[in-house]
């Protein structure tokens, strides 16, 4: 049975959510990904650095979550169930380092849905972008997510 993806959600923006970066979470994340760069882990190295504090690894924003707009919400909006979904790709564009204590506003929107035939059959590629903005209104980074839906 062929599945249709609800394309009317292209352009949909989910409610903004706010995150505050914790020092311990930066260090925990760096250790979890196996990156022992002292700029992520050592407070003294961080203080002596050009940033004046430890910084987060470039992929740290993957930890920024909004409990109100979880995967279940996305699946509902697309009209598909989890058994058809694969993680396709993740991309991070970073404009400046993220430091502990900073607060950001994140906004996610669906920017594109396109279909393509693969060896295992037709698939839809759902592209989302999350902008990360600091309190001054400056864009700090953008996360791009691609979710693959087997049709």
Protein backbone atom coordinates (compact mmCIF):
# COMPACT_ATOMS: atom_id res chain seq x y z
CA UNK A 1 0.00 0.00 0.00
CA UNK A 2 1.49 3.34 -1.10
CA UNK A 3 1.74 6.10 1.47
CA UNK A 4 1.32 9.78 0.69
CA UNK A 5 3.25 12.48 2.54
CA UNK A 6 1.28 15.60 3.38
CA UNK A 7 3.09 18.20 1.26
CA UNK A 8 0.88 21.03 2.52
CA UNK A 9 3.22 21.34 5.53
CA UNK A 10 6.00 22.81 3.37
CA UNK A 11 6.72 26.21 4.92
CA UNK A 12 5.15 25.31 8.26
CA UNK A 13 6.99 26.90 11.16
CA UNK A 14 6.72 25.29 14.57
CA UNK A 15 6.46 27.40 17.73
CA UNK A 16 9.75 28.94 18.83
CA UNK A 17 11.42 27.44 21.89
CA UNK A 18 14.11 28.71 24.21
CA UNK A 19 17.19 26.85 25.42
CA UNK A 20 19.85 27.84 27.92
CA UNK A 21 23.25 26.17 27.57
CA UNK A 22 24.67 24.47 30.66
CA UNK A 23 28.41 24.11 31.22
CA UNK A 24 28.09 20.50 32.38
CA UNK A 25 26.03 19.57 29.31
CA UNK A 26 28.74 20.91 26.98
CA UNK A 27 31.36 18.75 28.72
CA UNK A 28 29.05 15.73 28.84
CA UNK A 29 28.30 16.05 25.12
CA UNK A 30 31.98 16.40 24.18
CA UNK A 31 32.83 13.26 26.13
CA UNK A 32 29.86 11.38 24.63
CA UNK A 33 31.02 12.08 21.07
CA UNK A 34 34.62 11.24 21.99
CA UNK A 35 35.99 14.75 21.36
CA UNK A 36 38.39 15.55 24.17
CA UNK A 37 39.34 19.01 22.86
CA UNK A 38 40.25 21.00 25.98
CA UNK A 39 38.36 24.05 24.67
CA UNK A 40 35.21 21.98 25.37
CA UNK A 41 36.29 20.43 28.67
CA UNK A 42 38.76 22.55 30.64
CA UNK A 43 37.51 25.75 32.29
CA UNK A 44 41.05 27.16 32.60
CA UNK A 45 41.75 26.58 28.90
CA UNK A 46 38.39 28.17 28.13
CA UNK A 47 39.11 31.28 30.22
CA UNK A 48 42.47 31.72 28.45
CA UNK A 49 40.90 31.30 25.00
CA UNK A 50 39.69 34.09 22.71
CA UNK A 51 36.12 33.19 23.76
CA UNK A 52 36.77 33.64 27.49
CA UNK A 53 35.09 30.36 28.43
CA UNK A 54 34.68 26.78 27.29
CA UNK A 55 32.78 26.44 24.03
CA UNK A 56 30.44 23.76 22.72
CA UNK A 57 31.38 21.38 19.92
CA UNK A 58 29.84 22.48 16.60
CA UNK A 59 27.27 19.67 16.69
CA UNK A 60 26.08 20.50 20.24
CA UNK A 61 22.84 22.15 19.05
CA UNK A 62 21.51 18.66 18.24
CA UNK A 63 20.73 18.58 21.98
CA UNK A 64 18.40 21.59 21.66
CA UNK A 65 14.93 20.10 21.97
CA UNK A 66 11.38 21.33 22.19
CA UNK A 67 9.17 18.92 24.05
CA UNK A 68 6.08 20.39 22.35
CA UNK A 69 7.33 19.72 18.80
CA UNK A 70 8.64 16.19 19.08
CA UNK A 71 8.97 13.52 16.41
CA UNK A 72 5.38 12.45 17.01
CA UNK A 73 4.15 15.93 16.01
CA UNK A 74 6.20 15.86 12.80
CA UNK A 75 4.93 12.39 11.89
CA UNK A 76 1.34 13.48 12.52
CA UNK A 77 1.84 16.56 10.34
CA UNK A 78 3.35 14.46 7.53
CA UNK A 79 0.63 11.82 7.85
CA UNK A 80 3.05 8.91 8.26
CA UNK A 81 3.98 6.47 11.01
CA UNK A 82 7.37 5.83 12.54
CA UNK A 83 7.81 2.46 10.79
CA UNK A 84 8.39 4.31 7.48
CA UNK A 85 10.89 6.88 8.74
CA UNK A 86 14.68 6.92 8.54
CA UNK A 87 17.18 9.54 9.65
CA UNK A 88 18.66 10.83 6.42
CA UNK A 89 21.13 13.60 7.09
CA UNK A 90 22.13 16.24 9.62
CA UNK A 91 24.03 19.42 8.84
CA UNK A 92 25.26 22.22 11.09
CA UNK A 93 26.16 25.74 10.01
CA UNK A 94 27.83 27.58 12.88
CA UNK A 95 28.44 31.34 12.84
CA UNK A 96 30.10 31.64 16.24
CA UNK A 97 30.93 29.41 19.21
CA UNK A 98 28.28 28.62 21.81
CA UNK A 99 29.23 29.23 25.44
CA UNK A 100 27.73 28.16 28.76
CA UNK A 101 25.00 30.38 30.20
CA UNK A 102 23.83 31.65 26.82
CA UNK A 103 20.15 31.54 25.97
CA UNK A 104 18.91 31.00 22.43
CA UNK A 105 15.60 31.03 20.63
CA UNK A 106 15.19 28.20 18.13
CA UNK A 107 12.70 28.10 15.27
CA UNK A 108 12.11 25.04 13.11
CA UNK A 109 10.29 24.99 9.81
CA UNK A 110 9.76 22.49 7.02
CA UNK A 111 11.53 23.92 3.98
CA UNK A 112 11.05 21.20 1.37
CA UNK A 113 9.61 17.80 0.61
CA UNK A 114 10.64 16.02 -2.54
CA UNK A 115 10.24 12.47 -3.76
CA UNK A 116 12.73 10.20 -5.42
CA UNK A 117 12.81 6.56 -6.50
CA UNK A 118 15.45 4.39 -4.88
CA UNK A 119 16.45 0.72 -5.13
CA UNK A 120 14.04 -0.11 -2.32
CA UNK A 121 11.19 1.92 -3.83
CA UNK A 122 9.87 5.46 -3.71
CA UNK A 123 10.93 7.77 -0.89
CA UNK A 124 10.09 11.27 0.29
CA UNK A 125 12.83 13.52 1.67
CA UNK A 126 11.60 15.99 4.27
CA UNK A 127 14.00 18.89 4.82
CA UNK A 128 13.73 20.95 8.03
CA UNK A 129 15.80 23.90 9.19
CA UNK A 130 16.19 25.17 12.72
CA UNK A 131 17.58 28.67 13.19
CA UNK A 132 19.38 29.44 16.45
CA UNK A 133 19.27 33.11 17.46
CA UNK A 134 20.86 34.77 20.49
CA UNK A 135 19.27 37.38 22.75
CA UNK A 136 20.67 40.19 20.58
CA UNK A 137 18.79 38.73 17.61
CA UNK A 138 21.94 37.50 15.84
CA UNK A 139 21.87 34.19 13.98
CA UNK A 140 24.30 31.88 15.78
CA UNK A 141 23.71 28.78 13.70
CA UNK A 142 21.39 26.73 11.55
CA UNK A 143 20.66 23.02 11.81
CA UNK A 144 19.37 21.20 8.75
CA UNK A 145 17.67 17.83 9.13
CA UNK A 146 16.62 15.44 6.40
CA UNK A 147 14.08 12.75 7.27
CA UNK A 148 13.48 9.97 4.75
CA UNK A 149 10.00 8.47 4.47
CA UNK A 150 9.62 5.15 2.66
CA UNK A 151 6.46 5.46 0.57
